[in-house]
Amino acid sequence: MGIGAGIFLLAIGGVLAFGVSDRISGVDLTAIGYILMGAGALGLVLVMFLSSRSRTSQTVIREERLEDPRDPRI
């Protein structure tokens, strides 16, 4: 899950929890909204935690010289 997916889940969960007043038989839209907001928040926390640990990088510089035996400058 990326940052965009976490924000999307938070937004959809907020709309379901606070903005929808319709009733569906056997489905609690407020609870589903809270669950989606929790999943989005957890996803954002995990993305931030994992991306901060993977920012280290290693650069290797390798120089290679190929000599041509026919070159008169050698």
PDB file of N, CA and C in Angstrom:
ATOM      1  N   MET A   1       0.852  -1.166   0.000  1.00  0.00           N
ATOM      2  CA  MET A   1       0.000   0.000   0.000  1.00  0.00           C
ATOM      3  C   MET A   1       0.897   1.227   0.000  1.00  0.00           C
ATOM      4  N   GLY A   2       0.571   2.170  -0.842  1.00  0.00           N
ATOM      5  CA  GLY A   2       1.338   3.391  -0.916  1.00  0.00           C
ATOM      6  C   GLY A   2       0.661   4.519  -0.160  1.00  0.00           C
ATOM      7  N   ILE A   3       1.258   5.690  -0.265  1.00  0.00           N
ATOM      8  CA  ILE A   3       0.712   6.858   0.419  1.00  0.00           C
ATOM      9  C   ILE A   3      -0.654   7.213  -0.161  1.00  0.00           C
ATOM     10  N   GLY A   4      -0.781   7.116  -1.480  1.00  0.00           N
ATOM     11  CA  GLY A   4      -2.049   7.446  -2.120  1.00  0.00           C
ATOM     12  C   GLY A   4      -3.178   6.531  -1.681  1.00  0.00           C
ATOM     13  N   ALA A   5      -2.894   5.248  -1.562  1.00  0.00           N
ATOM     14  CA  ALA A   5      -3.921   4.300  -1.129  1.00  0.00           C
ATOM     15  C   ALA A   5      -4.326   4.554   0.319  1.00  0.00           C
ATOM     16  N   GLY A   6      -3.371   4.900   1.160  1.00  0.00           N
ATOM     17  CA  GLY A   6      -3.694   5.207   2.557  1.00  0.00           C
ATOM     18  C   GLY A   6      -4.571   6.436   2.679  1.00  0.00           C
ATOM     19  N   ILE A   7      -4.254   7.478   1.904  1.00  0.00           N
ATOM     20  CA  ILE A   7      -5.066   8.691   1.929  1.00  0.00           C
ATOM     21  C   ILE A   7      -6.458   8.409   1.363  1.00  0.00           C
ATOM     22  N   PHE A   8      -6.534   7.586   0.318  1.00  0.00           N
ATOM     23  CA  PHE A   8      -7.821   7.211  -0.265  1.00  0.00           C
ATOM     24  C   PHE A   8      -8.692   6.481   0.751  1.00  0.00           C
ATOM     25  N   LEU A   9      -8.102   5.526   1.476  1.00  0.00           N
ATOM     26  CA  LEU A   9      -8.869   4.798   2.493  1.00  0.00           C
ATOM     27  C   LEU A   9      -9.340   5.721   3.611  1.00  0.00           C
ATOM     28  N   LEU A  10      -8.477   6.658   4.003  1.00  0.00           N
ATOM     29  CA  LEU A  10      -8.889   7.624   5.026  1.00  0.00           C
ATOM     30  C   LEU A  10     -10.055   8.471   4.544  1.00  0.00           C
ATOM     31  N   ALA A  11      -9.995   8.921   3.303  1.00  0.00           N
ATOM     32  CA  ALA A  11     -11.056   9.776   2.763  1.00  0.00           C
ATOM     33  C   ALA A  11     -12.376   9.016   2.633  1.00  0.00           C
ATOM     34  N   ILE A  12     -12.328   7.826   2.057  1.00  0.00           N
ATOM     35  CA  ILE A  12     -13.556   7.038   1.901  1.00  0.00           C
ATOM     36  C   ILE A  12     -14.123   6.656   3.269  1.00  0.00           C
ATOM     37  N   GLY A  13     -13.262   6.300   4.198  1.00  0.00           N
ATOM     38  CA  GLY A  13     -13.722   5.969   5.543  1.00  0.00           C
ATOM     39  C   GLY A  13     -14.356   7.161   6.237  1.00  0.00           C
ATOM     40  N   GLY A  14     -13.780   8.341   6.049  1.00  0.00           N
ATOM     41  CA  GLY A  14     -14.352   9.544   6.649  1.00  0.00           C
ATOM     42  C   GLY A  14     -15.717   9.877   6.071  1.00  0.00           C
ATOM     43  N   VAL A  15     -15.854   9.704   4.768  1.00  0.00           N
ATOM     44  CA  VAL A  15     -17.155   9.951   4.145  1.00  0.00           C
ATOM     45  C   VAL A  15     -18.187   8.965   4.676  1.00  0.00           C
ATOM     46  N   LEU A  16     -17.829   7.698   4.756  1.00  0.00           N
ATOM     47  CA  LEU A  16     -18.781   6.698   5.252  1.00  0.00           C
ATOM     48  C   LEU A  16     -19.113   6.921   6.729  1.00  0.00           C
ATOM     49  N   ALA A  17     -18.122   7.275   7.530  1.00  0.00           N
ATOM     50  CA  ALA A  17     -18.340   7.412   8.970  1.00  0.00           C
ATOM     51  C   ALA A  17     -19.105   8.681   9.316  1.00  0.00           C
ATOM     52  N   PHE A  18     -18.811   9.781   8.629  1.00  0.00           N
ATOM     53  CA  PHE A  18     -19.373  11.065   9.047  1.00  0.00           C
ATOM     54  C   PHE A  18     -20.365  11.671   8.059  1.00  0.00           C
ATOM     55  N   GLY A  19     -20.324  11.259   6.801  1.00  0.00           N
ATOM     56  CA  GLY A  19     -21.137  11.952   5.809  1.00  0.00           C
ATOM     57  C   GLY A  19     -22.321  11.191   5.266  1.00  0.00           C
ATOM     58  N   VAL A  20     -22.389   9.910   5.489  1.00  0.00           N
ATOM     59  CA  VAL A  20     -23.478   9.112   4.921  1.00  0.00           C
ATOM     60  C   VAL A  20     -24.492   8.817   6.021  1.00  0.00           C
ATOM     61  N   SER A  21     -25.746   9.140   5.733  1.00  0.00           N
ATOM     62  CA  SER A  21     -26.787   8.869   6.720  1.00  0.00           C
ATOM     63  C   SER A  21     -27.781   7.822   6.219  1.00  0.00           C
ATOM     64  N   ASP A  22     -27.516   7.220   5.078  1.00  0.00           N
ATOM     65  CA  ASP A  22     -28.398   6.171   4.569  1.00  0.00           C
ATOM     66  C   ASP A  22     -28.279   4.910   5.420  1.00  0.00           C
ATOM     67  N   ARG A  23     -29.284   4.099   5.355  1.00  0.00           N
ATOM     68  CA  ARG A  23     -29.303   2.844   6.096  1.00  0.00           C
ATOM     69  C   ARG A  23     -29.348   1.686   5.106  1.00  0.00           C
ATOM     70  N   ILE A  24     -28.499   0.693   5.331  1.00  0.00           N
ATOM     71  CA  ILE A  24     -28.523  -0.541   4.564  1.00  0.00           C
ATOM     72  C   ILE A  24     -28.787  -1.657   5.568  1.00  0.00           C
ATOM     73  N   SER A  25     -29.732  -2.509   5.252  1.00  0.00           N
ATOM     74  CA  SER A  25     -30.124  -3.571   6.168  1.00  0.00           C
ATOM     75  C   SER A  25     -28.949  -4.516   6.442  1.00  0.00           C
ATOM     76  N   GLY A  26     -28.582  -4.633   7.692  1.00  0.00           N
ATOM     77  CA  GLY A  26     -27.516  -5.544   8.097  1.00  0.00           C
ATOM     78  C   GLY A  26     -26.107  -4.998   7.946  1.00  0.00           C
ATOM     79  N   VAL A  27     -25.960  -3.730   7.525  1.00  0.00           N
ATOM     80  CA  VAL A  27     -24.627  -3.147   7.313  1.00  0.00           C
ATOM     81  C   VAL A  27     -24.543  -1.837   8.089  1.00  0.00           C
ATOM     82  N   ASP A  28     -23.540  -1.726   8.917  1.00  0.00           N
ATOM     83  CA  ASP A  28     -23.311  -0.487   9.670  1.00  0.00           C
ATOM     84  C   ASP A  28     -22.244   0.323   8.932  1.00  0.00           C
ATOM     85  N   LEU A  29     -22.679   1.323   8.174  1.00  0.00           N
ATOM     86  CA  LEU A  29     -21.747   2.114   7.369  1.00  0.00           C
ATOM     87  C   LEU A  29     -20.782   2.917   8.229  1.00  0.00           C
ATOM     88  N   THR A  30     -21.210   3.323   9.406  1.00  0.00           N
ATOM     89  CA  THR A  30     -20.310   4.065  10.303  1.00  0.00           C
ATOM     90  C   THR A  30     -19.156   3.181  10.745  1.00  0.00           C
ATOM     91  N   ALA A  31     -19.441   1.942  11.101  1.00  0.00           N
ATOM     92  CA  ALA A  31     -18.377   1.023  11.523  1.00  0.00           C
ATOM     93  C   ALA A  31     -17.435   0.719  10.358  1.00  0.00           C
ATOM     94  N   ILE A  32     -17.985   0.539   9.174  1.00  0.00           N
ATOM     95  CA  ILE A  32     -17.129   0.295   8.002  1.00  0.00           C
ATOM     96  C   ILE A  32     -16.240   1.509   7.739  1.00  0.00           C
ATOM     97  N   GLY A  33     -16.788   2.701   7.926  1.00  0.00           N
ATOM     98  CA  GLY A  33     -15.987   3.921   7.758  1.00  0.00           C
ATOM     99  C   GLY A  33     -14.833   3.992   8.738  1.00  0.00           C
ATOM    100  N   TYR A  34     -15.110   3.651   9.984  1.00  0.00           N
ATOM    101  CA  TYR A  34     -14.040   3.653  10.986  1.00  0.00           C
ATOM    102  C   TYR A  34     -12.983   2.584  10.677  1.00  0.00           C
ATOM    103  N   ILE A  35     -13.416   1.450  10.200  1.00  0.00           N
ATOM    104  CA  ILE A  35     -12.464   0.389   9.846  1.00  0.00           C
ATOM    105  C   ILE A  35     -11.581   0.836   8.694  1.00  0.00           C
ATOM    106  N   LEU A  36     -12.182   1.467   7.678  1.00  0.00           N
ATOM    107  CA  LEU A  36     -11.385   1.947   6.546  1.00  0.00           C
ATOM    108  C   LEU A  36     -10.415   3.057   6.967  1.00  0.00           C
ATOM    109  N   MET A  37     -10.860   3.939   7.846  1.00  0.00           N
ATOM    110  CA  MET A  37      -9.953   4.994   8.327  1.00  0.00           C
ATOM    111  C   MET A  37      -8.797   4.396   9.124  1.00  0.00           C
ATOM    112  N   GLY A  38      -9.086   3.385   9.927  1.00  0.00           N
ATOM    113  CA  GLY A  38      -8.013   2.720  10.676  1.00  0.00           C
ATOM    114  C   GLY A  38      -7.021   2.029   9.754  1.00  0.00           C
ATOM    115  N   ALA A  39      -7.531   1.368   8.717  1.00  0.00           N
ATOM    116  CA  ALA A  39      -6.644   0.700   7.759  1.00  0.00           C
ATOM    117  C   ALA A  39      -5.799   1.717   7.001  1.00  0.00           C
ATOM    118  N   GLY A  40      -6.399   2.840   6.635  1.00  0.00           N
ATOM    119  CA  GLY A  40      -5.640   3.886   5.938  1.00  0.00           C
ATOM    120  C   GLY A  40      -4.560   4.492   6.824  1.00  0.00           C
ATOM    121  N   ALA A  41      -4.893   4.756   8.078  1.00  0.00           N
ATOM    122  CA  ALA A  41      -3.903   5.314   9.006  1.00  0.00           C
ATOM    123  C   ALA A  41      -2.775   4.324   9.257  1.00  0.00           C
ATOM    124  N   LEU A  42      -3.127   3.052   9.434  1.00  0.00           N
ATOM    125  CA  LEU A  42      -2.097   2.030   9.640  1.00  0.00           C
ATOM    126  C   LEU A  42      -1.203   1.900   8.409  1.00  0.00           C
ATOM    127  N   GLY A  43      -1.813   1.951   7.225  1.00  0.00           N
ATOM    128  CA  GLY A  43      -1.030   1.888   5.989  1.00  0.00           C
ATOM    129  C   GLY A  43      -0.075   3.062   5.854  1.00  0.00           C
ATOM    130  N   LEU A  44      -0.541   4.263   6.204  1.00  0.00           N
ATOM    131  CA  LEU A  44       0.344   5.433   6.134  1.00  0.00           C
ATOM    132  C   LEU A  44       1.508   5.319   7.110  1.00  0.00           C
ATOM    133  N   VAL A  45       1.219   4.850   8.313  1.00  0.00           N
ATOM    134  CA  VAL A  45       2.287   4.686   9.314  1.00  0.00           C
ATOM    135  C   VAL A  45       3.308   3.661   8.828  1.00  0.00           C
ATOM    136  N   LEU A  46       2.832   2.559   8.272  1.00  0.00           N
ATOM    137  CA  LEU A  46       3.756   1.532   7.779  1.00  0.00           C
ATOM    138  C   LEU A  46       4.584   2.031   6.608  1.00  0.00           C
ATOM    139  N   VAL A  47       3.964   2.770   5.698  1.00  0.00           N
ATOM    140  CA  VAL A  47       4.704   3.308   4.552  1.00  0.00           C
ATOM    141  C   VAL A  47       5.775   4.281   5.033  1.00  0.00           C
ATOM    142  N   MET A  48       5.431   5.144   5.966  1.00  0.00           N
ATOM    143  CA  MET A  48       6.414   6.112   6.481  1.00  0.00           C
ATOM    144  C   MET A  48       7.554   5.390   7.209  1.00  0.00           C
ATOM    145  N   PHE A  49       7.212   4.371   7.975  1.00  0.00           N
ATOM    146  CA  PHE A  49       8.232   3.638   8.727  1.00  0.00           C
ATOM    147  C   PHE A  49       9.158   2.880   7.787  1.00  0.00           C
ATOM    148  N   LEU A  50       8.586   2.193   6.810  1.00  0.00           N
ATOM    149  CA  LEU A  50       9.402   1.386   5.908  1.00  0.00           C
ATOM    150  C   LEU A  50      10.208   2.244   4.942  1.00  0.00           C
ATOM    151  N   SER A  51       9.672   3.383   4.523  1.00  0.00           N
ATOM    152  CA  SER A  51      10.429   4.220   3.597  1.00  0.00           C
ATOM    153  C   SER A  51      11.582   4.931   4.295  1.00  0.00           C
ATOM    154  N   SER A  52      11.457   5.215   5.576  1.00  0.00           N
ATOM    155  CA  SER A  52      12.559   5.868   6.285  1.00  0.00           C
ATOM    156  C   SER A  52      13.715   4.893   6.501  1.00  0.00           C
ATOM    157  N   ARG A  53      13.426   3.594   6.552  1.00  0.00           N
ATOM    158  CA  ARG A  53      14.484   2.610   6.744  1.00  0.00           C
ATOM    159  C   ARG A  53      15.187   2.264   5.445  1.00  0.00           C
ATOM    160  N   SER A  54      14.557   2.492   4.312  1.00  0.00           N
ATOM    161  CA  SER A  54      15.153   2.084   3.042  1.00  0.00           C
ATOM    162  C   SER A  54      15.797   3.241   2.294  1.00  0.00           C
ATOM    163  N   ARG A  55      16.028   4.345   2.941  1.00  0.00           N
ATOM    164  CA  ARG A  55      16.631   5.494   2.267  1.00  0.00           C
ATOM    165  C   ARG A  55      18.145   5.406   2.157  1.00  0.00           C
ATOM    166  N   THR A  56      18.754   4.444   2.814  1.00  0.00           N
ATOM    167  CA  THR A  56      20.196   4.313   2.716  1.00  0.00           C
ATOM    168  C   THR A  56      20.543   3.715   1.364  1.00  0.00           C
ATOM    169  N   SER A  57      21.592   4.229   0.764  1.00  0.00           N
ATOM    170  CA  SER A  57      21.995   3.717  -0.537  1.00  0.00           C
ATOM    171  C   SER A  57      23.517   3.599  -0.570  1.00  0.00           C
ATOM    172  N   GLN A  58      23.971   2.829  -1.494  1.00  0.00           N
ATOM    173  CA  GLN A  58      25.394   2.609  -1.640  1.00  0.00           C
ATOM    174  C   GLN A  58      25.735   2.820  -3.101  1.00  0.00           C
ATOM    175  N   THR A  59      26.772   3.609  -3.343  1.00  0.00           N
ATOM    176  CA  THR A  59      27.196   3.899  -4.705  1.00  0.00           C
ATOM    177  C   THR A  59      28.565   3.273  -4.926  1.00  0.00           C
ATOM    178  N   VAL A  60      28.682   2.528  -5.979  1.00  0.00           N
ATOM    179  CA  VAL A  60      29.939   1.899  -6.346  1.00  0.00           C
ATOM    180  C   VAL A  60      30.402   2.515  -7.652  1.00  0.00           C
ATOM    181  N   ILE A  61      31.618   3.034  -7.634  1.00  0.00           N
ATOM    182  CA  ILE A  61      32.203   3.609  -8.847  1.00  0.00           C
ATOM    183  C   ILE A  61      33.299   2.666  -9.310  1.00  0.00           C
ATOM    184  N   ARG A  62      33.157   2.235 -10.524  1.00  0.00           N
ATOM    185  CA  ARG A  62      34.116   1.286 -11.071  1.00  0.00           C
ATOM    186  C   ARG A  62      34.669   1.866 -12.361  1.00  0.00           C
ATOM    187  N   GLU A  63      35.983   1.978 -12.418  1.00  0.00           N
ATOM    188  CA  GLU A  63      36.629   2.515 -13.612  1.00  0.00           C
ATOM    189  C   GLU A  63      37.366   1.377 -14.307  1.00  0.00           C
ATOM    190  N   GLU A  64      37.149   1.277 -15.580  1.00  0.00           N
ATOM    191  CA  GLU A  64      37.762   0.201 -16.331  1.00  0.00           C
ATOM    192  C   GLU A  64      38.405   0.791 -17.576  1.00  0.00           C
ATOM    193  N   ARG A  65      39.659   0.475 -17.779  1.00  0.00           N
ATOM    194  CA  ARG A  65      40.368   0.968 -18.956  1.00  0.00           C
ATOM    195  C   ARG A  65      40.721  -0.210 -19.844  1.00  0.00           C
ATOM    196  N   LEU A  66      40.282  -0.110 -21.043  1.00  0.00           N
ATOM    197  CA  LEU A  66      40.594  -1.137 -22.017  1.00  0.00           C
ATOM    198  C   LEU A  66      41.710  -0.608 -22.924  1.00  0.00           C
ATOM    199  N   GLU A  67      42.798  -1.349 -22.966  1.00  0.00           N
ATOM    200  CA  GLU A  67      43.933  -0.912 -23.765  1.00  0.00           C
ATOM    201  C   GLU A  67      43.932  -1.649 -25.095  1.00  0.00           C
ATOM    202  N   ASP A  68      44.148  -0.876 -26.132  1.00  0.00           N
ATOM    203  CA  ASP A  68      44.206  -1.427 -27.471  1.00  0.00           C
ATOM    204  C   ASP A  68      45.680  -1.639 -27.833  1.00  0.00           C
ATOM    205  N   PRO A  69      46.086  -2.873 -28.114  1.00  0.00           N
ATOM    206  CA  PRO A  69      47.516  -3.115 -28.427  1.00  0.00           C
ATOM    207  C   PRO A  69      47.944  -2.445 -29.733  1.00  0.00           C
ATOM    208  N   ARG A  70      47.018  -2.042 -30.561  1.00  0.00           N
ATOM    209  CA  ARG A  70      47.382  -1.385 -31.819  1.00  0.00           C
ATOM    210  C   ARG A  70      47.529   0.117 -31.664  1.00  0.00           C
ATOM    211  N   ASP A  71      47.242   0.669 -30.499  1.00  0.00           N
ATOM    212  CA  ASP A  71      47.308   2.107 -30.297  1.00  0.00           C
ATOM    213  C   ASP A  71      48.770   2.523 -30.143  1.00  0.00           C
ATOM    214  N   PRO A  72      49.283   3.445 -30.955  1.00  0.00           N
ATOM    215  CA  PRO A  72      50.702   3.850 -30.879  1.00  0.00           C
ATOM    216  C   PRO A  72      51.022   4.701 -29.652  1.00  0.00           C
ATOM    217  N   ARG A  73      50.043   5.215 -28.960  1.00  0.00           N
ATOM    218  CA  ARG A  73      50.320   6.064 -27.790  1.00  0.00           C
ATOM    219  C   ARG A  73      50.707   5.247 -26.574  1.00  0.00           C
ATOM    220  N   ILE A  74      50.553   3.972 -26.619  1.00  0.00           N
ATOM    221  CA  ILE A  74      50.828   3.134 -25.435  1.00  0.00           C
ATOM    222  C   ILE A  74      52.271   2.722 -25.407  1.00  0.00           C
TER     223      ILE A  74
END
